[in-house]
Amino acid sequence: RDGVFPPEPTGDERSDWTAFGLSVALQAARLLRSSGPNVDTAEV
């Protein structure tokens, strides 16, 4: 929500991997959600 990507490390390696995976997924979903209606089949 604050536009921080990737999120700041927590100090725990496994937790940081989870945070990274979730944040990447959210960024990808935002990009795809905003662009999806504009995909032209000619661009496929």
ModelCIF file with pLDDT and N, C-alpha, C, O atoms, coordinates in Angstrom:
data_MODEL
#
_entry.id   MODEL 
#
_entity.id                         1 
_entity.type                       polymer 
_entity.pdbx_number_of_molecules   1 
#
_entity_poly.entity_id                      1 
_entity_poly.type                           'polypeptide(L)' 
_entity_poly.nstd_linkage                   no 
_entity_poly.nstd_monomer                   no 
_entity_poly.pdbx_seq_one_letter_code       RDGVFPPEPTGDERSDWTAFGLSVALQAARLLRSSGPNVDTAEV 
_entity_poly.pdbx_seq_one_letter_code_can   RDGVFPPEPTGDERSDWTAFGLSVALQAARLLRSSGPNVDTAEV 
_entity_poly.pdbx_strand_id                 A 
#
loop_
_entity_poly_seq.entity_id 
_entity_poly_seq.num 
_entity_poly_seq.mon_id 
_entity_poly_seq.hetero 
1 1  ARG n 
1 2  ASP n 
1 3  GLY n 
1 4  VAL n 
1 5  PHE n 
1 6  PRO n 
1 7  PRO n 
1 8  GLU n 
1 9  PRO n 
1 10 THR n 
1 11 GLY n 
1 12 ASP n 
1 13 GLU n 
1 14 ARG n 
1 15 SER n 
1 16 ASP n 
1 17 TRP n 
1 18 THR n 
1 19 ALA n 
1 20 PHE n 
1 21 GLY n 
1 22 LEU n 
1 23 SER n 
1 24 VAL n 
1 25 ALA n 
1 26 LEU n 
1 27 GLN n 
1 28 ALA n 
1 29 ALA n 
1 30 ARG n 
1 31 LEU n 
1 32 LEU n 
1 33 ARG n 
1 34 SER n 
1 35 SER n 
1 36 GLY n 
1 37 PRO n 
1 38 ASN n 
1 39 VAL n 
1 40 ASP n 
1 41 THR n 
1 42 ALA n 
1 43 GLU n 
1 44 VAL n 
#
_struct_asym.id          A 
_struct_asym.entity_id   1 
#
loop_
_ma_qa_metric.id 
_ma_qa_metric.mode 
_ma_qa_metric.name 
_ma_qa_metric.software_group_id 
_ma_qa_metric.type 
1 global pLDDT . pLDDT 
2 local  pLDDT . pLDDT 
#
_ma_qa_metric_global.metric_id      1 
_ma_qa_metric_global.metric_value   83.75 
_ma_qa_metric_global.model_id       1 
_ma_qa_metric_global.ordinal_id     1 
#
loop_
_ma_qa_metric_local.label_asym_id 
_ma_qa_metric_local.label_comp_id 
_ma_qa_metric_local.label_seq_id 
_ma_qa_metric_local.metric_id 
_ma_qa_metric_local.metric_value 
_ma_qa_metric_local.model_id 
_ma_qa_metric_local.ordinal_id 
A ARG 1  2 90.00 1 1  
A ASP 2  2 92.00 1 2  
A GLY 3  2 90.00 1 3  
A VAL 4  2 89.00 1 4  
A PHE 5  2 87.00 1 5  
A PRO 6  2 82.00 1 6  
A PRO 7  2 87.00 1 7  
A GLU 8  2 85.00 1 8  
A PRO 9  2 86.00 1 9  
A THR 10 2 84.00 1 10 
A GLY 11 2 84.00 1 11 
A ASP 12 2 89.00 1 12 
A GLU 13 2 88.00 1 13 
A ARG 14 2 90.00 1 14 
A SER 15 2 93.00 1 15 
A ASP 16 2 95.00 1 16 
A TRP 17 2 96.00 1 17 
A THR 18 2 96.00 1 18 
A ALA 19 2 96.00 1 19 
A PHE 20 2 95.00 1 20 
A GLY 21 2 96.00 1 21 
A LEU 22 2 97.00 1 22 
A SER 23 2 95.00 1 23 
A VAL 24 2 95.00 1 24 
A ALA 25 2 96.00 1 25 
A LEU 26 2 95.00 1 26 
A GLN 27 2 94.00 1 27 
A ALA 28 2 93.00 1 28 
A ALA 29 2 93.00 1 29 
A ARG 30 2 91.00 1 30 
A LEU 31 2 90.00 1 31 
A LEU 32 2 89.00 1 32 
A ARG 33 2 87.00 1 33 
A SER 34 2 82.00 1 34 
A SER 35 2 73.00 1 35 
A GLY 36 2 59.00 1 36 
A PRO 37 2 53.00 1 37 
A ASN 38 2 57.00 1 38 
A VAL 39 2 59.00 1 39 
A ASP 40 2 59.00 1 40 
A THR 41 2 54.00 1 41 
A ALA 42 2 49.00 1 42 
A GLU 43 2 64.00 1 43 
A VAL 44 2 71.00 1 44 
#
loop_
_atom_site.group_PDB 
_atom_site.id 
_atom_site.type_symbol 
_atom_site.label_atom_id 
_atom_site.label_alt_id 
_atom_site.label_comp_id 
_atom_site.label_asym_id 
_atom_site.label_entity_id 
_atom_site.label_seq_id 
_atom_site.pdbx_PDB_ins_code 
_atom_site.Cartn_x 
_atom_site.Cartn_y 
_atom_site.Cartn_z 
_atom_site.occupancy 
_atom_site.B_iso_or_equiv 
_atom_site.pdbx_formal_charge 
_atom_site.auth_seq_id 
_atom_site.auth_comp_id 
_atom_site.auth_asym_id 
_atom_site.auth_atom_id 
_atom_site.pdbx_PDB_model_num 
ATOM 1   N N  . ARG A 1 1  ? 0.828  -1.211  0.000   1.00 90.00 ? 1  ARG A N  1 
ATOM 2   C CA . ARG A 1 1  ? 0.000  0.000   0.000   1.00 90.00 ? 1  ARG A CA 1 
ATOM 3   C C  . ARG A 1 1  ? 0.862  1.261   0.000   1.00 90.00 ? 1  ARG A C  1 
ATOM 4   O O  . ARG A 1 1  ? 0.474  2.286   -0.559  1.00 90.00 ? 1  ARG A O  1 
ATOM 5   N N  . ASP A 1 2  ? 2.059  1.175   0.644   1.00 92.00 ? 2  ASP A N  1 
ATOM 6   C CA . ASP A 1 2  ? 2.934  2.344   0.729   1.00 92.00 ? 2  ASP A CA 1 
ATOM 7   C C  . ASP A 1 2  ? 3.875  2.475   -0.467  1.00 92.00 ? 2  ASP A C  1 
ATOM 8   O O  . ASP A 1 2  ? 4.648  3.430   -0.544  1.00 92.00 ? 2  ASP A O  1 
ATOM 9   N N  . GLY A 1 3  ? 3.815  1.526   -1.397  1.00 90.00 ? 3  GLY A N  1 
ATOM 10  C CA . GLY A 1 3  ? 4.661  1.588   -2.577  1.00 90.00 ? 3  GLY A CA 1 
ATOM 11  C C  . GLY A 1 3  ? 6.093  1.155   -2.337  1.00 90.00 ? 3  GLY A C  1 
ATOM 12  O O  . GLY A 1 3  ? 6.982  1.522   -3.105  1.00 90.00 ? 3  GLY A O  1 
ATOM 13  N N  . VAL A 1 4  ? 6.344  0.364   -1.263  1.00 89.00 ? 4  VAL A N  1 
ATOM 14  C CA . VAL A 1 4  ? 7.696  -0.129  -0.967  1.00 89.00 ? 4  VAL A CA 1 
ATOM 15  C C  . VAL A 1 4  ? 7.853  -1.518  -1.570  1.00 89.00 ? 4  VAL A C  1 
ATOM 16  O O  . VAL A 1 4  ? 7.133  -2.446  -1.200  1.00 89.00 ? 4  VAL A O  1 
ATOM 17  N N  . PHE A 1 5  ? 8.792  -1.661  -2.500  1.00 87.00 ? 5  PHE A N  1 
ATOM 18  C CA . PHE A 1 5  ? 9.006  -2.943  -3.168  1.00 87.00 ? 5  PHE A CA 1 
ATOM 19  C C  . PHE A 1 5  ? 10.474 -3.107  -3.535  1.00 87.00 ? 5  PHE A C  1 
ATOM 20  O O  . PHE A 1 5  ? 11.060 -2.217  -4.151  1.00 87.00 ? 5  PHE A O  1 
ATOM 21  N N  . PRO A 1 6  ? 11.086 -4.251  -3.160  1.00 82.00 ? 6  PRO A N  1 
ATOM 22  C CA . PRO A 1 6  ? 10.571 -5.267  -2.245  1.00 82.00 ? 6  PRO A CA 1 
ATOM 23  C C  . PRO A 1 6  ? 10.459 -4.718  -0.814  1.00 82.00 ? 6  PRO A C  1 
ATOM 24  O O  . PRO A 1 6  ? 11.054 -3.684  -0.509  1.00 82.00 ? 6  PRO A O  1 
ATOM 25  N N  . PRO A 1 7  ? 9.702  -5.397  0.071   1.00 87.00 ? 7  PRO A N  1 
ATOM 26  C CA . PRO A 1 7  ? 9.566  -4.916  1.448   1.00 87.00 ? 7  PRO A CA 1 
ATOM 27  C C  . PRO A 1 7  ? 10.885 -5.006  2.197   1.00 87.00 ? 7  PRO A C  1 
ATOM 28  O O  . PRO A 1 7  ? 11.771 -5.773  1.822   1.00 87.00 ? 7  PRO A O  1 
ATOM 29  N N  . GLU A 1 8  ? 11.009 -4.221  3.251   1.00 85.00 ? 8  GLU A N  1 
ATOM 30  C CA . GLU A 1 8  ? 12.226 -4.232  4.053   1.00 85.00 ? 8  GLU A CA 1 
ATOM 31  C C  . GLU A 1 8  ? 12.440 -5.615  4.683   1.00 85.00 ? 8  GLU A C  1 
ATOM 32  O O  . GLU A 1 8  ? 11.473 -6.250  5.102   1.00 85.00 ? 8  GLU A O  1 
ATOM 33  N N  . PRO A 1 9  ? 13.694 -6.093  4.756   1.00 86.00 ? 9  PRO A N  1 
ATOM 34  C CA . PRO A 1 9  ? 13.961 -7.409  5.354   1.00 86.00 ? 9  PRO A CA 1 
ATOM 35  C C  . PRO A 1 9  ? 13.548 -7.445  6.828   1.00 86.00 ? 9  PRO A C  1 
ATOM 36  O O  . PRO A 1 9  ? 13.606 -6.438  7.534   1.00 86.00 ? 9  PRO A O  1 
ATOM 37  N N  . THR A 1 10 ? 13.135 -8.624  7.268   1.00 84.00 ? 10 THR A N  1 
ATOM 38  C CA . THR A 1 10 ? 12.751 -8.807  8.672   1.00 84.00 ? 10 THR A CA 1 
ATOM 39  C C  . THR A 1 10 ? 13.896 -9.366  9.504   1.00 84.00 ? 10 THR A C  1 
ATOM 40  O O  . THR A 1 10 ? 13.866 -9.283  10.731  1.00 84.00 ? 10 THR A O  1 
ATOM 41  N N  . GLY A 1 11 ? 14.911 -9.938  8.847   1.00 84.00 ? 11 GLY A N  1 
ATOM 42  C CA . GLY A 1 11 ? 16.021 -10.554 9.569   1.00 84.00 ? 11 GLY A CA 1 
ATOM 43  C C  . GLY A 1 11 ? 15.941 -12.061 9.619   1.00 84.00 ? 11 GLY A C  1 
ATOM 44  O O  . GLY A 1 11 ? 16.922 -12.720 9.962   1.00 84.00 ? 11 GLY A O  1 
ATOM 45  N N  . ASP A 1 12 ? 14.775 -12.628 9.277   1.00 89.00 ? 12 ASP A N  1 
ATOM 46  C CA . ASP A 1 12 ? 14.611 -14.078 9.222   1.00 89.00 ? 12 ASP A CA 1 
ATOM 47  C C  . ASP A 1 12 ? 14.537 -14.493 7.759   1.00 89.00 ? 12 ASP A C  1 
ATOM 48  O O  . ASP A 1 12 ? 13.679 -14.015 7.017   1.00 89.00 ? 12 ASP A O  1 
ATOM 49  N N  . GLU A 1 13 ? 15.449 -15.395 7.336   1.00 88.00 ? 13 GLU A N  1 
ATOM 50  C CA . GLU A 1 13 ? 15.588 -15.691 5.913   1.00 88.00 ? 13 GLU A CA 1 
ATOM 51  C C  . GLU A 1 13 ? 14.305 -16.267 5.311   1.00 88.00 ? 13 GLU A C  1 
ATOM 52  O O  . GLU A 1 13 ? 13.872 -15.830 4.245   1.00 88.00 ? 13 GLU A O  1 
ATOM 53  N N  . ARG A 1 14 ? 13.689 -17.254 5.992   1.00 90.00 ? 14 ARG A N  1 
ATOM 54  C CA . ARG A 1 14 ? 12.472 -17.859 5.443   1.00 90.00 ? 14 ARG A CA 1 
ATOM 55  C C  . ARG A 1 14 ? 11.343 -16.837 5.394   1.00 90.00 ? 14 ARG A C  1 
ATOM 56  O O  . ARG A 1 14 ? 10.601 -16.786 4.413   1.00 90.00 ? 14 ARG A O  1 
ATOM 57  N N  . SER A 1 15 ? 11.204 -16.028 6.430   1.00 93.00 ? 15 SER A N  1 
ATOM 58  C CA . SER A 1 15 ? 10.169 -14.999 6.436   1.00 93.00 ? 15 SER A CA 1 
ATOM 59  C C  . SER A 1 15 ? 10.397 -13.993 5.320   1.00 93.00 ? 15 SER A C  1 
ATOM 60  O O  . SER A 1 15 ? 9.447  -13.526 4.691   1.00 93.00 ? 15 SER A O  1 
ATOM 61  N N  . ASP A 1 16 ? 11.666 -13.661 5.075   1.00 95.00 ? 16 ASP A N  1 
ATOM 62  C CA . ASP A 1 16 ? 11.966 -12.708 4.013   1.00 95.00 ? 16 ASP A CA 1 
ATOM 63  C C  . ASP A 1 16 ? 11.625 -13.287 2.635   1.00 95.00 ? 16 ASP A C  1 
ATOM 64  O O  . ASP A 1 16 ? 11.166 -12.562 1.752   1.00 95.00 ? 16 ASP A O  1 
ATOM 65  N N  . TRP A 1 17 ? 11.850 -14.600 2.453   1.00 96.00 ? 17 TRP A N  1 
ATOM 66  C CA . TRP A 1 17 ? 11.468 -15.232 1.187   1.00 96.00 ? 17 TRP A CA 1 
ATOM 67  C C  . TRP A 1 17 ? 9.955  -15.201 1.008   1.00 96.00 ? 17 TRP A C  1 
ATOM 68  O O  . TRP A 1 17 ? 9.461  -14.937 -0.088  1.00 96.00 ? 17 TRP A O  1 
ATOM 69  N N  . THR A 1 18 ? 9.224  -15.468 2.080   1.00 96.00 ? 18 THR A N  1 
ATOM 70  C CA . THR A 1 18 ? 7.763  -15.424 2.006   1.00 96.00 ? 18 THR A CA 1 
ATOM 71  C C  . THR A 1 18 ? 7.291  -14.015 1.681   1.00 96.00 ? 18 THR A C  1 
ATOM 72  O O  . THR A 1 18 ? 6.419  -13.828 0.832   1.00 96.00 ? 18 THR A O  1 
ATOM 73  N N  . ALA A 1 19 ? 7.865  -13.029 2.352   1.00 96.00 ? 19 ALA A N  1 
ATOM 74  C CA . ALA A 1 19 ? 7.500  -11.640 2.086   1.00 96.00 ? 19 ALA A CA 1 
ATOM 75  C C  . ALA A 1 19 ? 7.825  -11.265 0.642   1.00 96.00 ? 19 ALA A C  1 
ATOM 76  O O  . ALA A 1 19 ? 7.048  -10.573 -0.015  1.00 96.00 ? 19 ALA A O  1 
ATOM 77  N N  . PHE A 1 20 ? 8.973  -11.724 0.153   1.00 95.00 ? 20 PHE A N  1 
ATOM 78  C CA . PHE A 1 20 ? 9.345  -11.432 -1.233  1.00 95.00 ? 20 PHE A CA 1 
ATOM 79  C C  . PHE A 1 20 ? 8.346  -12.057 -2.202  1.00 95.00 ? 20 PHE A C  1 
ATOM 80  O O  . PHE A 1 20 ? 7.875  -11.388 -3.122  1.00 95.00 ? 20 PHE A O  1 
ATOM 81  N N  . GLY A 1 21 ? 8.018  -13.342 -2.001  1.00 96.00 ? 21 GLY A N  1 
ATOM 82  C CA . GLY A 1 21 ? 7.085  -14.014 -2.894  1.00 96.00 ? 21 GLY A CA 1 
ATOM 83  C C  . GLY A 1 21 ? 5.726  -13.346 -2.920  1.00 96.00 ? 21 GLY A C  1 
ATOM 84  O O  . GLY A 1 21 ? 5.137  -13.163 -3.985  1.00 96.00 ? 21 GLY A O  1 
ATOM 85  N N  . LEU A 1 22 ? 5.229  -12.983 -1.754  1.00 97.00 ? 22 LEU A N  1 
ATOM 86  C CA . LEU A 1 22 ? 3.923  -12.329 -1.676  1.00 97.00 ? 22 LEU A CA 1 
ATOM 87  C C  . LEU A 1 22 ? 3.942  -10.946 -2.332  1.00 97.00 ? 22 LEU A C  1 
ATOM 88  O O  . LEU A 1 22 ? 3.011  -10.576 -3.047  1.00 97.00 ? 22 LEU A O  1 
ATOM 89  N N  . SER A 1 23 ? 5.003  -10.197 -2.084  1.00 95.00 ? 23 SER A N  1 
ATOM 90  C CA . SER A 1 23 ? 5.064  -8.845  -2.643  1.00 95.00 ? 23 SER A CA 1 
ATOM 91  C C  . SER A 1 23 ? 5.199  -8.885  -4.162  1.00 95.00 ? 23 SER A C  1 
ATOM 92  O O  . SER A 1 23 ? 4.606  -8.057  -4.855  1.00 95.00 ? 23 SER A O  1 
ATOM 93  N N  . VAL A 1 24 ? 5.969  -9.833  -4.689  1.00 95.00 ? 24 VAL A N  1 
ATOM 94  C CA . VAL A 1 24 ? 6.078  -9.974  -6.142  1.00 95.00 ? 24 VAL A CA 1 
ATOM 95  C C  . VAL A 1 24 ? 4.724  -10.349 -6.736  1.00 95.00 ? 24 VAL A C  1 
ATOM 96  O O  . VAL A 1 24 ? 4.330  -9.826  -7.779  1.00 95.00 ? 24 VAL A O  1 
ATOM 97  N N  . ALA A 1 25 ? 4.017  -11.257 -6.068  1.00 96.00 ? 25 ALA A N  1 
ATOM 98  C CA . ALA A 1 25 ? 2.708  -11.677 -6.565  1.00 96.00 ? 25 ALA A CA 1 
ATOM 99  C C  . ALA A 1 25 ? 1.732  -10.506 -6.590  1.00 96.00 ? 25 ALA A C  1 
ATOM 100 O O  . ALA A 1 25 ? 0.958  -10.366 -7.537  1.00 96.00 ? 25 ALA A O  1 
ATOM 101 N N  . LEU A 1 26 ? 1.760  -9.670  -5.566  1.00 95.00 ? 26 LEU A N  1 
ATOM 102 C CA . LEU A 1 26 ? 0.875  -8.504  -5.535  1.00 95.00 ? 26 LEU A CA 1 
ATOM 103 C C  . LEU A 1 26 ? 1.237  -7.503  -6.638  1.00 95.00 ? 26 LEU A C  1 
ATOM 104 O O  . LEU A 1 26 ? 0.353  -6.940  -7.284  1.00 95.00 ? 26 LEU A O  1 
ATOM 105 N N  . GLN A 1 27 ? 2.523  -7.287  -6.847  1.00 94.00 ? 27 GLN A N  1 
ATOM 106 C CA . GLN A 1 27 ? 2.945  -6.373  -7.909  1.00 94.00 ? 27 GLN A CA 1 
ATOM 107 C C  . GLN A 1 27 ? 2.525  -6.907  -9.279  1.00 94.00 ? 27 GLN A C  1 
ATOM 108 O O  . GLN A 1 27 ? 2.052  -6.153  -10.129 1.00 94.00 ? 27 GLN A O  1 
ATOM 109 N N  . ALA A 1 28 ? 2.702  -8.209  -9.483  1.00 93.00 ? 28 ALA A N  1 
ATOM 110 C CA . ALA A 1 28 ? 2.309  -8.812  -10.759 1.00 93.00 ? 28 ALA A CA 1 
ATOM 111 C C  . ALA A 1 28 ? 0.806  -8.695  -10.968 1.00 93.00 ? 28 ALA A C  1 
ATOM 112 O O  . ALA A 1 28 ? 0.353  -8.366  -12.064 1.00 93.00 ? 28 ALA A O  1 
ATOM 113 N N  . ALA A 1 29 ? 0.028  -8.966  -9.912  1.00 93.00 ? 29 ALA A N  1 
ATOM 114 C CA . ALA A 1 29 ? -1.430 -8.876  -10.027 1.00 93.00 ? 29 ALA A CA 1 
ATOM 115 C C  . ALA A 1 29 ? -1.868 -7.455  -10.349 1.00 93.00 ? 29 ALA A C  1 
ATOM 116 O O  . ALA A 1 29 ? -2.792 -7.246  -11.134 1.00 93.00 ? 29 ALA A O  1 
ATOM 117 N N  . ARG A 1 30 ? -1.201 -6.478  -9.740  1.00 91.00 ? 30 ARG A N  1 
ATOM 118 C CA . ARG A 1 30 ? -1.544 -5.074  -10.030 1.00 91.00 ? 30 ARG A CA 1 
ATOM 119 C C  . ARG A 1 30 ? -1.277 -4.753  -11.493 1.00 91.00 ? 30 ARG A C  1 
ATOM 120 O O  . ARG A 1 30 ? -2.105 -4.126  -12.153 1.00 91.00 ? 30 ARG A O  1 
ATOM 121 N N  . LEU A 1 31 ? -0.125 -5.180  -12.002 1.00 90.00 ? 31 LEU A N  1 
ATOM 122 C CA . LEU A 1 31 ? 0.221  -4.908  -13.399 1.00 90.00 ? 31 LEU A CA 1 
ATOM 123 C C  . LEU A 1 31 ? -0.765 -5.595  -14.348 1.00 90.00 ? 31 LEU A C  1 
ATOM 124 O O  . LEU A 1 31 ? -1.236 -4.987  -15.309 1.00 90.00 ? 31 LEU A O  1 
ATOM 125 N N  . LEU A 1 32 ? -1.070 -6.852  -14.073 1.00 89.00 ? 32 LEU A N  1 
ATOM 126 C CA . LEU A 1 32 ? -1.957 -7.596  -14.960 1.00 89.00 ? 32 LEU A CA 1 
ATOM 127 C C  . LEU A 1 32 ? -3.392 -7.088  -14.879 1.00 89.00 ? 32 LEU A C  1 
ATOM 128 O O  . LEU A 1 32 ? -4.095 -7.033  -15.888 1.00 89.00 ? 32 LEU A O  1 
ATOM 129 N N  . ARG A 1 33 ? -3.820 -6.722  -13.689 1.00 87.00 ? 33 ARG A N  1 
ATOM 130 C CA . ARG A 1 33 ? -5.193 -6.231  -13.527 1.00 87.00 ? 33 ARG A CA 1 
ATOM 131 C C  . ARG A 1 33 ? -5.386 -4.895  -14.260 1.00 87.00 ? 33 ARG A C  1 
ATOM 132 O O  . ARG A 1 33 ? -6.434 -4.645  -14.856 1.00 87.00 ? 33 ARG A O  1 
ATOM 133 N N  . SER A 1 34 ? -4.364 -4.054  -14.204 1.00 82.00 ? 34 SER A N  1 
ATOM 134 C CA . SER A 1 34 ? -4.495 -2.742  -14.841 1.00 82.00 ? 34 SER A CA 1 
ATOM 135 C C  . SER A 1 34 ? -4.373 -2.825  -16.350 1.00 82.00 ? 34 SER A C  1 
ATOM 136 O O  . SER A 1 34 ? -4.894 -1.964  -17.059 1.00 82.00 ? 34 SER A O  1 
ATOM 137 N N  . SER A 1 35 ? -3.693 -3.849  -16.856 1.00 73.00 ? 35 SER A N  1 
ATOM 138 C CA . SER A 1 35 ? -3.430 -3.921  -18.291 1.00 73.00 ? 35 SER A CA 1 
ATOM 139 C C  . SER A 1 35 ? -4.309 -4.917  -19.032 1.00 73.00 ? 35 SER A C  1 
ATOM 140 O O  . SER A 1 35 ? -4.436 -4.846  -20.254 1.00 73.00 ? 35 SER A O  1 
ATOM 141 N N  . GLY A 1 36 ? -4.920 -5.846  -18.297 1.00 59.00 ? 36 GLY A N  1 
ATOM 142 C CA . GLY A 1 36 ? -5.658 -6.928  -18.933 1.00 59.00 ? 36 GLY A CA 1 
ATOM 143 C C  . GLY A 1 36 ? -6.701 -6.508  -19.949 1.00 59.00 ? 36 GLY A C  1 
ATOM 144 O O  . GLY A 1 36 ? -6.726 -7.062  -21.048 1.00 59.00 ? 36 GLY A O  1 
ATOM 145 N N  . PRO A 1 37 ? -7.578 -5.539  -19.625 1.00 53.00 ? 37 PRO A N  1 
ATOM 146 C CA . PRO A 1 37 ? -8.624 -5.166  -20.586 1.00 53.00 ? 37 PRO A CA 1 
ATOM 147 C C  . PRO A 1 37 ? -8.080 -4.570  -21.879 1.00 53.00 ? 37 PRO A C  1 
ATOM 148 O O  . PRO A 1 37 ? -8.798 -4.466  -22.874 1.00 53.00 ? 37 PRO A O  1 
ATOM 149 N N  . ASN A 1 38 ? -6.803 -4.179  -21.858 1.00 57.00 ? 38 ASN A N  1 
ATOM 150 C CA . ASN A 1 38 ? -6.239 -3.509  -23.035 1.00 57.00 ? 38 ASN A CA 1 
ATOM 151 C C  . ASN A 1 38 ? -5.453 -4.443  -23.944 1.00 57.00 ? 38 ASN A C  1 
ATOM 152 O O  . ASN A 1 38 ? -4.877 -3.997  -24.936 1.00 57.00 ? 38 ASN A O  1 
ATOM 153 N N  . VAL A 1 39 ? -5.421 -5.745  -23.617 1.00 59.00 ? 39 VAL A N  1 
ATOM 154 C CA . VAL A 1 39 ? -4.669 -6.670  -24.458 1.00 59.00 ? 39 VAL A CA 1 
ATOM 155 C C  . VAL A 1 39 ? -5.402 -6.874  -25.774 1.00 59.00 ? 39 VAL A C  1 
ATOM 156 O O  . VAL A 1 39 ? -6.575 -7.246  -25.799 1.00 59.00 ? 39 VAL A O  1 
ATOM 157 N N  . ASP A 1 40 ? -4.694 -6.626  -26.858 1.00 59.00 ? 40 ASP A N  1 
ATOM 158 C CA . ASP A 1 40 ? -5.246 -6.816  -28.197 1.00 59.00 ? 40 ASP A CA 1 
ATOM 159 C C  . ASP A 1 40 ? -4.791 -8.182  -28.693 1.00 59.00 ? 40 ASP A C  1 
ATOM 160 O O  . ASP A 1 40 ? -3.610 -8.520  -28.600 1.00 59.00 ? 40 ASP A O  1 
ATOM 161 N N  . THR A 1 41 ? -5.729 -8.969  -29.221 1.00 54.00 ? 41 THR A N  1 
ATOM 162 C CA . THR A 1 41 ? -5.341 -10.299 -29.709 1.00 54.00 ? 41 THR A CA 1 
ATOM 163 C C  . THR A 1 41 ? -4.316 -10.212 -30.827 1.00 54.00 ? 41 THR A C  1 
ATOM 164 O O  . THR A 1 41 ? -3.615 -11.187 -31.101 1.00 54.00 ? 41 THR A O  1 
ATOM 165 N N  . ALA A 1 42 ? -4.219 -9.054  -31.479 1.00 49.00 ? 42 ALA A N  1 
ATOM 166 C CA . ALA A 1 42 ? -3.197 -8.888  -32.512 1.00 49.00 ? 42 ALA A CA 1 
ATOM 167 C C  . ALA A 1 42 ? -1.795 -8.850  -31.908 1.00 49.00 ? 42 ALA A C  1 
ATOM 168 O O  . ALA A 1 42 ? -0.803 -9.059  -32.607 1.00 49.00 ? 42 ALA A O  1 
ATOM 169 N N  . GLU A 1 43 ? -1.721 -8.576  -30.582 1.00 64.00 ? 43 GLU A N  1 
ATOM 170 C CA . GLU A 1 43 ? -0.424 -8.506  -29.914 1.00 64.00 ? 43 GLU A CA 1 
ATOM 171 C C  . GLU A 1 43 ? 0.003  -9.861  -29.338 1.00 64.00 ? 43 GLU A C  1 
ATOM 172 O O  . GLU A 1 43 ? 1.055  -9.966  -28.707 1.00 64.00 ? 43 GLU A O  1 
ATOM 173 N N  . VAL A 1 44 ? -0.809 -10.886 -29.556 1.00 71.00 ? 44 VAL A N  1 
ATOM 174 C CA . VAL A 1 44 ? -0.511 -12.199 -29.007 1.00 71.00 ? 44 VAL A CA 1 
ATOM 175 C C  . VAL A 1 44 ? 0.355  -12.976 -29.987 1.00 71.00 ? 44 VAL A C  1 
ATOM 176 O O  . VAL A 1 44 ? 0.723  -14.119 -29.714 1.00 71.00 ? 44 VAL A O  1 
#
